[in-house]
């Protein structure tokens, strides 16, 4: 099983406690609730609002609280599962956990460098839009649907090629059959208002 973060062995009390928290049935529900609140706060944000206004300030502090909770969730999972070298259940070996880790890391960096005027740091705030995708990682049915969609992409691309080919054939057929038929407009049978 290995040592989690090179510190916590399999019998370490902190790691056992983290695993109990992580595997508790209310843990995922609480995180889903926080994701819902975070999504609502993202919906309230607008670039047209006064940057010094009350709404922007409240939303900023709510974002700090949500980011802190998501960091604690990430840290709990990292201690419980290990980062990479603790077997096949390690944290970073799941694509959904990689997404979670990227979102949490971008939130932390944007919180740490909040007063820095670098465009690259400000662009990290855009990754907060991916937070609602974390709902997919918590729901097994949505995970299956998204995975099936991505697995079917090559077949959909092949089908799209066939459809475009048939549309092209029909366009050539129509050009051959109707060539010269629609090159003028007979307006003598139209009402005067349309002439």
N, C-alpha and C. Protein backbone atom coordinates (compact mmCIF):
# COMPACT_ATOMS: atom_id res chain seq x y z
N UNK A 1 0.83 -1.20 0.00
CA UNK A 1 0.00 0.00 0.00
C UNK A 1 0.87 1.25 0.00
N UNK A 2 2.05 1.22 0.56
CA UNK A 2 2.96 2.35 0.47
C UNK A 2 2.66 3.45 1.47
N UNK A 3 3.54 4.43 1.50
CA UNK A 3 3.40 5.57 2.40
C UNK A 3 2.74 6.72 1.64
N UNK A 4 1.69 7.24 2.20
CA UNK A 4 0.97 8.35 1.59
C UNK A 4 1.75 9.63 1.80
N UNK A 5 2.04 10.35 0.69
CA UNK A 5 2.80 11.60 0.71
C UNK A 5 4.17 11.42 1.37
N UNK A 6 4.71 10.22 1.33
CA UNK A 6 6.01 9.84 1.90
C UNK A 6 6.06 10.02 3.41
N UNK A 7 4.91 10.21 4.05
CA UNK A 7 4.87 10.46 5.49
C UNK A 7 4.01 9.43 6.21
N UNK A 8 2.79 9.24 5.72
CA UNK A 8 1.79 8.46 6.45
C UNK A 8 1.79 7.01 5.96
N UNK A 9 2.19 6.11 6.84
CA UNK A 9 2.17 4.69 6.51
C UNK A 9 0.77 4.12 6.60
N UNK A 10 0.60 2.84 6.23
CA UNK A 10 -0.73 2.23 6.25
C UNK A 10 -1.37 2.17 7.64
N UNK A 11 -0.55 2.15 8.69
CA UNK A 11 -1.07 2.04 10.06
C UNK A 11 -1.12 3.39 10.78
N UNK A 12 -0.79 4.46 10.10
CA UNK A 12 -0.79 5.78 10.70
C UNK A 12 -2.21 6.20 11.06
N UNK A 13 -2.38 6.77 12.26
CA UNK A 13 -3.72 7.15 12.73
C UNK A 13 -4.34 8.26 11.88
N UNK A 14 -3.52 9.19 11.44
CA UNK A 14 -4.04 10.29 10.61
C UNK A 14 -4.56 9.73 9.28
N UNK A 15 -3.82 8.77 8.71
CA UNK A 15 -4.25 8.18 7.45
C UNK A 15 -5.52 7.36 7.63
N UNK A 16 -5.60 6.63 8.72
CA UNK A 16 -6.81 5.83 9.00
C UNK A 16 -8.00 6.75 9.21
N UNK A 17 -7.80 7.85 9.96
CA UNK A 17 -8.88 8.81 10.18
C UNK A 17 -9.31 9.47 8.87
N UNK A 18 -8.32 9.81 8.02
CA UNK A 18 -8.65 10.40 6.72
C UNK A 18 -9.43 9.41 5.86
N UNK A 19 -9.07 8.15 5.93
CA UNK A 19 -9.80 7.14 5.16
C UNK A 19 -11.22 6.97 5.68
N UNK A 20 -11.41 7.05 7.00
CA UNK A 20 -12.77 6.98 7.57
C UNK A 20 -13.62 8.16 7.10
N UNK A 21 -13.03 9.35 7.09
CA UNK A 21 -13.78 10.54 6.61
C UNK A 21 -14.09 10.39 5.13
N UNK A 22 -13.08 10.01 4.35
CA UNK A 22 -13.25 9.91 2.90
C UNK A 22 -14.29 8.86 2.51
N UNK A 23 -14.33 7.76 3.24
CA UNK A 23 -15.25 6.67 2.87
C UNK A 23 -16.63 6.81 3.53
N UNK A 24 -16.82 7.83 4.35
CA UNK A 24 -18.13 8.01 4.99
C UNK A 24 -19.17 8.41 3.95
N UNK A 25 -20.39 7.93 4.11
CA UNK A 25 -21.42 8.16 3.08
C UNK A 25 -21.86 9.61 3.00
N UNK A 26 -21.72 10.38 4.08
CA UNK A 26 -22.13 11.78 4.05
C UNK A 26 -21.05 12.69 3.49
N UNK A 27 -19.83 12.19 3.34
CA UNK A 27 -18.73 13.01 2.82
C UNK A 27 -19.03 13.46 1.40
N UNK A 28 -19.41 12.53 0.53
CA UNK A 28 -19.71 12.88 -0.86
C UNK A 28 -20.93 13.79 -0.96
N UNK A 29 -21.92 13.56 -0.12
CA UNK A 29 -23.12 14.41 -0.15
C UNK A 29 -22.78 15.84 0.26
N UNK A 30 -21.93 15.98 1.27
CA UNK A 30 -21.52 17.31 1.72
C UNK A 30 -20.73 18.03 0.62
N UNK A 31 -19.84 17.30 -0.05
CA UNK A 31 -19.06 17.90 -1.13
C UNK A 31 -19.98 18.29 -2.29
N UNK A 32 -20.97 17.45 -2.60
CA UNK A 32 -21.93 17.80 -3.66
C UNK A 32 -22.71 19.06 -3.30
N UNK A 33 -23.08 19.18 -2.03
CA UNK A 33 -23.76 20.39 -1.55
C UNK A 33 -22.88 21.62 -1.74
N UNK A 34 -21.60 21.49 -1.39
CA UNK A 34 -20.67 22.61 -1.56
C UNK A 34 -20.46 22.96 -3.03
N UNK A 35 -20.43 21.94 -3.88
CA UNK A 35 -20.31 22.19 -5.32
C UNK A 35 -21.52 22.95 -5.83
N UNK A 36 -22.71 22.59 -5.33
CA UNK A 36 -23.93 23.31 -5.71
C UNK A 36 -23.88 24.77 -5.30
N UNK A 37 -23.44 25.03 -4.08
CA UNK A 37 -23.32 26.42 -3.61
C UNK A 37 -22.29 27.17 -4.45
N UNK A 38 -21.16 26.52 -4.71
CA UNK A 38 -20.12 27.15 -5.52
C UNK A 38 -20.62 27.47 -6.92
N UNK A 39 -21.41 26.57 -7.50
CA UNK A 39 -21.97 26.81 -8.83
C UNK A 39 -22.93 27.99 -8.81
N UNK A 40 -23.74 28.09 -7.76
CA UNK A 40 -24.67 29.23 -7.64
C UNK A 40 -23.91 30.55 -7.52
N UNK A 41 -22.84 30.56 -6.75
CA UNK A 41 -22.07 31.80 -6.62
C UNK A 41 -21.41 32.18 -7.94
N UNK A 42 -20.99 31.18 -8.71
CA UNK A 42 -20.43 31.48 -10.03
C UNK A 42 -21.49 32.08 -10.95
N UNK A 43 -22.74 31.64 -10.78
CA UNK A 43 -23.83 32.17 -11.61
C UNK A 43 -24.16 33.62 -11.24
N UNK A 44 -23.91 34.01 -10.00
CA UNK A 44 -24.21 35.38 -9.56
C UNK A 44 -23.14 36.38 -10.00
N UNK A 45 -21.96 35.90 -10.33
CA UNK A 45 -20.88 36.82 -10.70
C UNK A 45 -21.15 37.44 -12.06
N UNK A 46 -20.79 38.69 -12.18
CA UNK A 46 -20.95 39.41 -13.44
C UNK A 46 -19.80 40.41 -13.58
N UNK A 47 -19.23 40.54 -14.76
CA UNK A 47 -18.16 41.52 -14.93
C UNK A 47 -18.65 42.96 -14.89
N UNK A 48 -19.96 43.15 -14.98
CA UNK A 48 -20.53 44.50 -14.96
C UNK A 48 -20.73 45.04 -13.55
N UNK A 49 -20.56 44.18 -12.54
CA UNK A 49 -20.76 44.62 -11.16
C UNK A 49 -19.59 45.47 -10.69
N UNK A 50 -19.87 46.32 -9.72
CA UNK A 50 -18.84 47.18 -9.14
C UNK A 50 -17.83 46.31 -8.40
N UNK A 51 -16.53 46.37 -8.75
CA UNK A 51 -15.53 45.52 -8.10
C UNK A 51 -15.41 45.78 -6.59
N UNK A 52 -15.79 46.96 -6.14
CA UNK A 52 -15.72 47.28 -4.72
C UNK A 52 -17.08 47.13 -4.04
N UNK A 53 -18.08 46.63 -4.77
CA UNK A 53 -19.42 46.51 -4.24
C UNK A 53 -19.57 45.39 -3.22
N UNK A 54 -20.70 45.40 -2.55
CA UNK A 54 -20.97 44.41 -1.50
C UNK A 54 -21.13 43.01 -2.09
N UNK A 55 -21.81 42.89 -3.21
CA UNK A 55 -22.06 41.58 -3.81
C UNK A 55 -20.75 40.91 -4.21
N UNK A 56 -19.88 41.67 -4.83
CA UNK A 56 -18.59 41.12 -5.27
C UNK A 56 -17.75 40.70 -4.07
N UNK A 57 -17.77 41.50 -3.01
CA UNK A 57 -17.00 41.19 -1.81
C UNK A 57 -17.53 39.91 -1.15
N UNK A 58 -18.85 39.81 -1.03
CA UNK A 58 -19.45 38.61 -0.42
C UNK A 58 -19.14 37.37 -1.26
N UNK A 59 -19.28 37.49 -2.57
CA UNK A 59 -18.99 36.35 -3.45
C UNK A 59 -17.53 35.95 -3.39
N UNK A 60 -16.65 36.93 -3.20
CA UNK A 60 -15.22 36.63 -3.09
C UNK A 60 -14.94 35.82 -1.83
N UNK A 61 -15.55 36.22 -0.71
CA UNK A 61 -15.33 35.48 0.55
C UNK A 61 -15.98 34.11 0.53
N UNK A 62 -17.14 34.00 -0.12
CA UNK A 62 -17.76 32.67 -0.27
C UNK A 62 -16.87 31.77 -1.12
N UNK A 63 -16.25 32.34 -2.15
CA UNK A 63 -15.33 31.57 -2.97
C UNK A 63 -14.12 31.12 -2.16
N UNK A 64 -13.61 31.98 -1.29
CA UNK A 64 -12.49 31.58 -0.42
C UNK A 64 -12.89 30.42 0.49
N UNK A 65 -14.08 30.49 1.05
CA UNK A 65 -14.55 29.41 1.94
C UNK A 65 -14.71 28.11 1.15
N UNK A 66 -15.33 28.20 -0.04
CA UNK A 66 -15.52 26.99 -0.86
C UNK A 66 -14.18 26.40 -1.28
N UNK A 67 -13.26 27.25 -1.68
CA UNK A 67 -11.94 26.77 -2.09
C UNK A 67 -11.22 26.11 -0.92
N UNK A 68 -11.41 26.64 0.28
CA UNK A 68 -10.79 26.04 1.46
C UNK A 68 -11.38 24.66 1.74
N UNK A 69 -12.69 24.54 1.63
CA UNK A 69 -13.32 23.23 1.82
C UNK A 69 -12.84 22.23 0.76
N UNK A 70 -12.76 22.68 -0.48
CA UNK A 70 -12.31 21.77 -1.55
C UNK A 70 -10.85 21.39 -1.36
N UNK A 71 -10.04 22.32 -0.82
CA UNK A 71 -8.65 21.97 -0.52
C UNK A 71 -8.59 20.92 0.59
N UNK A 72 -9.43 21.08 1.63
CA UNK A 72 -9.47 20.08 2.71
C UNK A 72 -9.92 18.72 2.18
N UNK A 73 -10.90 18.73 1.27
CA UNK A 73 -11.33 17.46 0.66
C UNK A 73 -10.19 16.81 -0.11
N UNK A 74 -9.48 17.61 -0.89
CA UNK A 74 -8.36 17.10 -1.68
C UNK A 74 -7.26 16.56 -0.76
N UNK A 75 -6.96 17.29 0.30
CA UNK A 75 -5.93 16.85 1.24
C UNK A 75 -6.33 15.57 1.95
N UNK A 76 -7.61 15.45 2.30
CA UNK A 76 -8.10 14.22 2.94
C UNK A 76 -7.95 13.04 2.01
N UNK A 77 -8.30 13.22 0.74
CA UNK A 77 -8.15 12.13 -0.23
C UNK A 77 -6.68 11.80 -0.46
N UNK A 78 -5.83 12.83 -0.51
CA UNK A 78 -4.40 12.59 -0.72
C UNK A 78 -3.80 11.79 0.44
N UNK A 79 -4.20 12.10 1.66
CA UNK A 79 -3.68 11.37 2.82
C UNK A 79 -4.25 9.95 2.83
N UNK A 80 -5.53 9.80 2.52
CA UNK A 80 -6.17 8.49 2.58
C UNK A 80 -5.69 7.55 1.47
N UNK A 81 -5.58 8.07 0.25
CA UNK A 81 -5.26 7.22 -0.90
C UNK A 81 -3.79 7.25 -1.30
N UNK A 82 -3.08 8.30 -0.94
CA UNK A 82 -1.73 8.48 -1.43
C UNK A 82 -1.77 9.21 -2.76
N UNK A 83 -0.69 9.92 -3.09
CA UNK A 83 -0.72 10.72 -4.31
C UNK A 83 -0.59 9.86 -5.55
N UNK A 84 0.51 9.12 -5.68
CA UNK A 84 0.69 8.34 -6.89
C UNK A 84 1.25 6.95 -6.63
N UNK A 85 2.07 6.77 -5.64
CA UNK A 85 2.79 5.51 -5.46
C UNK A 85 2.20 4.56 -4.44
N UNK A 86 0.90 4.61 -4.23
CA UNK A 86 0.28 3.75 -3.21
C UNK A 86 -0.68 2.75 -3.83
N UNK A 87 -0.33 2.18 -4.96
CA UNK A 87 -1.17 1.18 -5.59
C UNK A 87 -2.08 1.77 -6.64
N UNK A 88 -2.95 0.92 -7.16
CA UNK A 88 -3.81 1.37 -8.25
C UNK A 88 -4.93 2.29 -7.80
N UNK A 89 -5.18 2.39 -6.49
CA UNK A 89 -6.21 3.31 -5.99
C UNK A 89 -5.64 4.66 -5.61
N UNK A 90 -4.41 4.94 -5.99
CA UNK A 90 -3.80 6.23 -5.66
C UNK A 90 -4.63 7.37 -6.26
N UNK A 91 -4.52 8.52 -5.62
CA UNK A 91 -5.37 9.66 -5.96
C UNK A 91 -5.23 10.09 -7.41
N UNK A 92 -4.02 10.24 -7.88
CA UNK A 92 -3.80 10.84 -9.20
C UNK A 92 -3.99 9.83 -10.33
N UNK A 93 -4.28 8.60 -10.04
CA UNK A 93 -4.45 7.60 -11.10
C UNK A 93 -5.86 7.60 -11.68
N UNK A 94 -6.76 8.36 -11.11
CA UNK A 94 -8.11 8.48 -11.64
C UNK A 94 -8.23 9.79 -12.42
N UNK A 95 -8.76 9.74 -13.65
CA UNK A 95 -8.90 10.99 -14.41
C UNK A 95 -9.81 12.01 -13.73
N UNK A 96 -10.80 11.55 -13.00
CA UNK A 96 -11.71 12.47 -12.31
C UNK A 96 -10.99 13.17 -11.17
N UNK A 97 -10.09 12.43 -10.49
CA UNK A 97 -9.31 13.06 -9.43
C UNK A 97 -8.30 14.05 -10.01
N UNK A 98 -7.78 13.78 -11.20
CA UNK A 98 -6.88 14.74 -11.85
C UNK A 98 -7.64 16.04 -12.12
N UNK A 99 -8.89 15.92 -12.59
CA UNK A 99 -9.72 17.11 -12.81
C UNK A 99 -9.94 17.86 -11.50
N UNK A 100 -10.30 17.13 -10.43
CA UNK A 100 -10.49 17.76 -9.12
C UNK A 100 -9.21 18.47 -8.67
N UNK A 101 -8.09 17.78 -8.81
CA UNK A 101 -6.81 18.34 -8.36
C UNK A 101 -6.47 19.60 -9.14
N UNK A 102 -6.72 19.61 -10.44
CA UNK A 102 -6.45 20.78 -11.27
C UNK A 102 -7.31 21.97 -10.84
N UNK A 103 -8.58 21.71 -10.57
CA UNK A 103 -9.49 22.79 -10.16
C UNK A 103 -9.09 23.34 -8.80
N UNK A 104 -8.76 22.45 -7.86
CA UNK A 104 -8.36 22.90 -6.52
C UNK A 104 -7.05 23.67 -6.58
N UNK A 105 -6.10 23.17 -7.37
CA UNK A 105 -4.81 23.85 -7.48
C UNK A 105 -4.96 25.23 -8.12
N UNK A 106 -5.81 25.35 -9.14
CA UNK A 106 -6.02 26.66 -9.77
C UNK A 106 -6.70 27.62 -8.81
N UNK A 107 -7.64 27.11 -8.00
CA UNK A 107 -8.30 27.97 -7.01
C UNK A 107 -7.31 28.46 -5.96
N UNK A 108 -6.43 27.56 -5.50
CA UNK A 108 -5.44 27.96 -4.50
C UNK A 108 -4.46 28.99 -5.05
N UNK A 109 -4.00 28.77 -6.28
CA UNK A 109 -3.07 29.72 -6.87
C UNK A 109 -3.71 31.10 -7.08
N UNK A 110 -4.99 31.10 -7.48
CA UNK A 110 -5.66 32.40 -7.66
C UNK A 110 -5.92 33.07 -6.31
N UNK A 111 -6.08 32.28 -5.23
CA UNK A 111 -6.24 32.87 -3.90
C UNK A 111 -4.92 33.42 -3.38
N UNK A 112 -3.83 32.69 -3.61
CA UNK A 112 -2.53 33.11 -3.10
C UNK A 112 -2.06 34.37 -3.82
N UNK A 113 -2.22 34.40 -5.13
CA UNK A 113 -1.74 35.52 -5.93
C UNK A 113 -2.87 36.48 -6.28
N UNK A 114 -3.74 36.75 -5.33
CA UNK A 114 -4.91 37.60 -5.60
C UNK A 114 -4.51 39.04 -5.89
N UNK A 115 -3.44 39.52 -5.30
CA UNK A 115 -3.03 40.92 -5.49
C UNK A 115 -1.99 41.08 -6.59
N UNK A 116 -1.55 39.98 -7.17
CA UNK A 116 -0.58 40.04 -8.25
C UNK A 116 -1.31 40.35 -9.55
N UNK A 117 -0.76 41.23 -10.35
CA UNK A 117 -1.44 41.69 -11.57
C UNK A 117 -0.92 40.96 -12.81
N UNK A 118 -0.70 39.65 -12.71
CA UNK A 118 -0.28 38.87 -13.86
C UNK A 118 -1.49 38.31 -14.58
N UNK A 119 -1.50 38.39 -15.89
CA UNK A 119 -2.64 37.89 -16.66
C UNK A 119 -2.75 36.38 -16.57
N UNK A 120 -1.62 35.69 -16.45
CA UNK A 120 -1.67 34.23 -16.36
C UNK A 120 -2.32 33.77 -15.06
N UNK A 121 -2.09 34.51 -13.98
CA UNK A 121 -2.73 34.16 -12.70
C UNK A 121 -4.22 34.48 -12.76
N UNK A 122 -4.57 35.60 -13.39
CA UNK A 122 -5.98 35.95 -13.51
C UNK A 122 -6.73 34.95 -14.39
N UNK A 123 -6.03 34.39 -15.36
CA UNK A 123 -6.68 33.41 -16.24
C UNK A 123 -6.95 32.10 -15.52
N UNK A 124 -6.26 31.84 -14.40
CA UNK A 124 -6.54 30.63 -13.63
C UNK A 124 -7.93 30.67 -13.01
N UNK A 125 -8.45 31.86 -12.79
CA UNK A 125 -9.79 31.98 -12.22
C UNK A 125 -10.85 31.42 -13.16
N UNK A 126 -10.53 31.35 -14.45
CA UNK A 126 -11.47 30.80 -15.42
C UNK A 126 -11.72 29.32 -15.15
N UNK A 127 -10.71 28.65 -14.62
CA UNK A 127 -10.86 27.21 -14.34
C UNK A 127 -11.90 26.92 -13.27
N UNK A 128 -12.34 27.96 -12.54
CA UNK A 128 -13.41 27.75 -11.56
C UNK A 128 -14.71 27.33 -12.24
N UNK A 129 -14.83 27.64 -13.52
CA UNK A 129 -16.02 27.25 -14.27
C UNK A 129 -16.13 25.73 -14.34
N UNK A 130 -15.02 25.03 -14.19
CA UNK A 130 -15.03 23.57 -14.24
C UNK A 130 -15.55 22.93 -12.95
N UNK A 131 -15.78 23.72 -11.92
CA UNK A 131 -16.25 23.14 -10.65
C UNK A 131 -17.54 22.34 -10.80
N UNK A 132 -18.53 22.80 -11.58
CA UNK A 132 -19.73 21.95 -11.72
C UNK A 132 -19.44 20.58 -12.33
N UNK A 133 -18.34 20.45 -13.07
CA UNK A 133 -17.98 19.13 -13.61
C UNK A 133 -17.64 18.14 -12.51
N UNK A 134 -17.33 18.65 -11.34
CA UNK A 134 -17.02 17.74 -10.23
C UNK A 134 -18.25 16.94 -9.82
N UNK A 135 -19.44 17.45 -10.15
CA UNK A 135 -20.65 16.67 -9.88
C UNK A 135 -20.62 15.38 -10.66
N UNK A 136 -20.08 15.44 -11.88
CA UNK A 136 -19.97 14.23 -12.70
C UNK A 136 -19.08 13.21 -12.02
N UNK A 137 -18.00 13.67 -11.41
CA UNK A 137 -17.08 12.73 -10.77
C UNK A 137 -17.68 12.09 -9.52
N UNK A 138 -18.68 12.71 -8.95
CA UNK A 138 -19.31 12.15 -7.74
C UNK A 138 -20.48 11.23 -8.05
N UNK A 139 -21.04 11.32 -9.27
CA UNK A 139 -22.22 10.52 -9.63
C UNK A 139 -21.80 9.43 -10.61
N UNK A 140 -22.03 8.18 -10.21
CA UNK A 140 -21.60 7.05 -11.02
C UNK A 140 -22.32 6.99 -12.36
N UNK A 141 -23.60 7.32 -12.40
CA UNK A 141 -24.36 7.28 -13.65
C UNK A 141 -23.88 8.32 -14.64
N UNK A 142 -23.64 9.56 -14.14
CA UNK A 142 -23.11 10.61 -15.01
C UNK A 142 -21.72 10.26 -15.51
N UNK A 143 -20.91 9.64 -14.64
CA UNK A 143 -19.57 9.23 -15.04
C UNK A 143 -19.63 8.25 -16.19
N UNK A 144 -20.55 7.29 -16.08
CA UNK A 144 -20.71 6.28 -17.13
C UNK A 144 -21.17 6.92 -18.44
N UNK A 145 -22.11 7.87 -18.35
CA UNK A 145 -22.62 8.54 -19.56
C UNK A 145 -21.53 9.34 -20.25
N UNK A 146 -20.74 10.11 -19.49
CA UNK A 146 -19.68 10.92 -20.08
C UNK A 146 -18.60 10.02 -20.67
N UNK A 147 -18.23 8.96 -19.96
CA UNK A 147 -17.22 8.03 -20.48
C UNK A 147 -17.71 7.37 -21.76
N UNK A 148 -18.97 6.97 -21.80
CA UNK A 148 -19.52 6.37 -23.02
C UNK A 148 -19.54 7.37 -24.17
N UNK A 149 -19.85 8.63 -23.87
CA UNK A 149 -19.85 9.65 -24.91
C UNK A 149 -18.45 9.83 -25.51
N UNK A 150 -17.44 9.91 -24.64
CA UNK A 150 -16.08 10.07 -25.15
C UNK A 150 -15.60 8.83 -25.89
N UNK A 151 -16.01 7.64 -25.44
CA UNK A 151 -15.61 6.42 -26.14
C UNK A 151 -16.28 6.29 -27.51
N UNK A 152 -17.47 6.90 -27.67
CA UNK A 152 -18.18 6.79 -28.95
C UNK A 152 -17.79 7.89 -29.94
N UNK A 153 -16.93 8.83 -29.54
CA UNK A 153 -16.54 9.93 -30.43
C UNK A 153 -15.94 9.45 -31.76
N UNK A 154 -15.04 8.46 -31.79
CA UNK A 154 -14.51 8.03 -33.09
C UNK A 154 -15.60 7.49 -34.03
N UNK A 155 -16.56 6.74 -33.48
CA UNK A 155 -17.65 6.22 -34.30
C UNK A 155 -18.55 7.35 -34.79
N UNK A 156 -18.76 8.36 -33.94
CA UNK A 156 -19.58 9.51 -34.35
C UNK A 156 -18.88 10.27 -35.47
N UNK A 157 -17.56 10.39 -35.38
CA UNK A 157 -16.80 11.07 -36.44
C UNK A 157 -16.92 10.32 -37.76
N UNK A 158 -16.87 8.98 -37.72
CA UNK A 158 -17.04 8.19 -38.94
C UNK A 158 -18.43 8.38 -39.53
N UNK A 159 -19.45 8.40 -38.67
CA UNK A 159 -20.82 8.61 -39.13
C UNK A 159 -20.97 10.00 -39.74
N UNK A 160 -20.34 11.00 -39.12
CA UNK A 160 -20.39 12.36 -39.65
C UNK A 160 -19.76 12.42 -41.04
N UNK A 161 -18.68 11.71 -41.25
CA UNK A 161 -18.05 11.66 -42.57
C UNK A 161 -18.99 11.07 -43.61
N UNK A 162 -19.69 10.00 -43.26
CA UNK A 162 -20.64 9.38 -44.19
C UNK A 162 -21.78 10.33 -44.52
N UNK A 163 -22.31 11.03 -43.51
CA UNK A 163 -23.41 11.98 -43.73
C UNK A 163 -22.96 13.12 -44.63
N UNK A 164 -21.77 13.66 -44.40
CA UNK A 164 -21.25 14.74 -45.25
C UNK A 164 -21.07 14.25 -46.67
N UNK A 165 -20.60 13.01 -46.83
CA UNK A 165 -20.42 12.44 -48.17
C UNK A 165 -21.76 12.35 -48.90
N UNK A 166 -22.83 11.89 -48.21
CA UNK A 166 -24.14 11.79 -48.86
C UNK A 166 -24.72 13.17 -49.18
N UNK A 167 -24.51 14.15 -48.32
CA UNK A 167 -24.96 15.50 -48.61
C UNK A 167 -24.25 16.04 -49.84
N UNK A 168 -22.96 15.77 -49.95
CA UNK A 168 -22.18 16.19 -51.11
C UNK A 168 -22.70 15.53 -52.39
N UNK A 169 -23.01 14.21 -52.31
CA UNK A 169 -23.57 13.51 -53.48
C UNK A 169 -24.92 14.09 -53.89
N UNK A 170 -25.77 14.35 -52.90
CA UNK A 170 -27.08 14.94 -53.21
C UNK A 170 -26.94 16.35 -53.79
N UNK A 171 -25.97 17.10 -53.34
CA UNK A 171 -25.74 18.44 -53.89
C UNK A 171 -25.31 18.35 -55.35
N UNK A 172 -24.44 17.40 -55.66
CA UNK A 172 -24.02 17.22 -57.06
C UNK A 172 -25.21 16.78 -57.92
N UNK A 173 -26.04 15.86 -57.39
CA UNK A 173 -27.21 15.39 -58.12
C UNK A 173 -28.18 16.54 -58.39
N UNK A 174 -28.42 17.39 -57.38
CA UNK A 174 -29.35 18.51 -57.55
C UNK A 174 -28.79 19.55 -58.53
N UNK A 175 -27.50 19.77 -58.49
CA UNK A 175 -26.89 20.70 -59.45
C UNK A 175 -27.02 20.16 -60.87
N UNK A 176 -26.91 18.84 -61.03
CA UNK A 176 -27.03 18.25 -62.36
C UNK A 176 -28.48 18.30 -62.85
N UNK A 177 -29.42 17.98 -61.99
CA UNK A 177 -30.83 17.93 -62.39
C UNK A 177 -31.43 19.32 -62.59
N UNK A 178 -31.07 20.26 -61.74
CA UNK A 178 -31.71 21.58 -61.78
C UNK A 178 -30.82 22.66 -62.38
N UNK A 179 -29.74 22.28 -63.03
CA UNK A 179 -28.84 23.31 -63.57
C UNK A 179 -29.56 24.16 -64.61
N UNK A 180 -29.53 25.46 -64.41
CA UNK A 180 -30.16 26.38 -65.33
C UNK A 180 -31.63 26.60 -65.09
N UNK A 181 -32.27 25.85 -64.20
CA UNK A 181 -33.71 26.00 -63.97
C UNK A 181 -34.03 27.19 -63.08
N UNK A 182 -33.13 27.52 -62.17
CA UNK A 182 -33.41 28.60 -61.23
C UNK A 182 -32.51 29.81 -61.47
N UNK A 183 -32.13 30.05 -62.73
CA UNK A 183 -31.24 31.17 -62.99
C UNK A 183 -31.98 32.48 -63.25
N UNK A 184 -33.30 32.47 -63.21
CA UNK A 184 -34.06 33.71 -63.36
C UNK A 184 -35.29 33.63 -62.48
N UNK A 185 -35.89 34.78 -62.26
CA UNK A 185 -37.07 34.85 -61.40
C UNK A 185 -38.23 35.40 -62.22
N UNK A 186 -39.32 34.67 -62.27
CA UNK A 186 -40.51 35.12 -62.99
C UNK A 186 -41.38 35.89 -62.02
N UNK A 187 -41.41 37.20 -62.16
CA UNK A 187 -42.17 38.04 -61.22
C UNK A 187 -43.53 38.45 -61.75
N UNK A 188 -43.94 38.00 -62.96
CA UNK A 188 -45.20 38.45 -63.50
C UNK A 188 -46.42 37.85 -62.80
N UNK A 189 -46.28 36.74 -62.11
CA UNK A 189 -47.42 36.15 -61.38
C UNK A 189 -47.44 36.54 -59.91
N UNK A 190 -46.44 37.33 -59.42
CA UNK A 190 -46.40 37.78 -58.02
C UNK A 190 -47.25 39.03 -57.84
N UNK A 191 -47.83 39.24 -56.66
CA UNK A 191 -48.54 40.51 -56.38
C UNK A 191 -47.59 41.69 -56.49
N UNK A 192 -48.15 42.88 -56.70
CA UNK A 192 -47.35 44.08 -56.89
C UNK A 192 -46.49 44.42 -55.67
N UNK A 193 -46.94 44.04 -54.48
CA UNK A 193 -46.19 44.39 -53.27
C UNK A 193 -44.87 43.63 -53.18
N UNK A 194 -44.74 42.47 -53.88
CA UNK A 194 -43.52 41.71 -53.83
C UNK A 194 -42.57 42.00 -54.99
N UNK A 195 -43.01 42.81 -56.01
CA UNK A 195 -42.17 43.08 -57.19
C UNK A 195 -41.14 44.12 -56.92
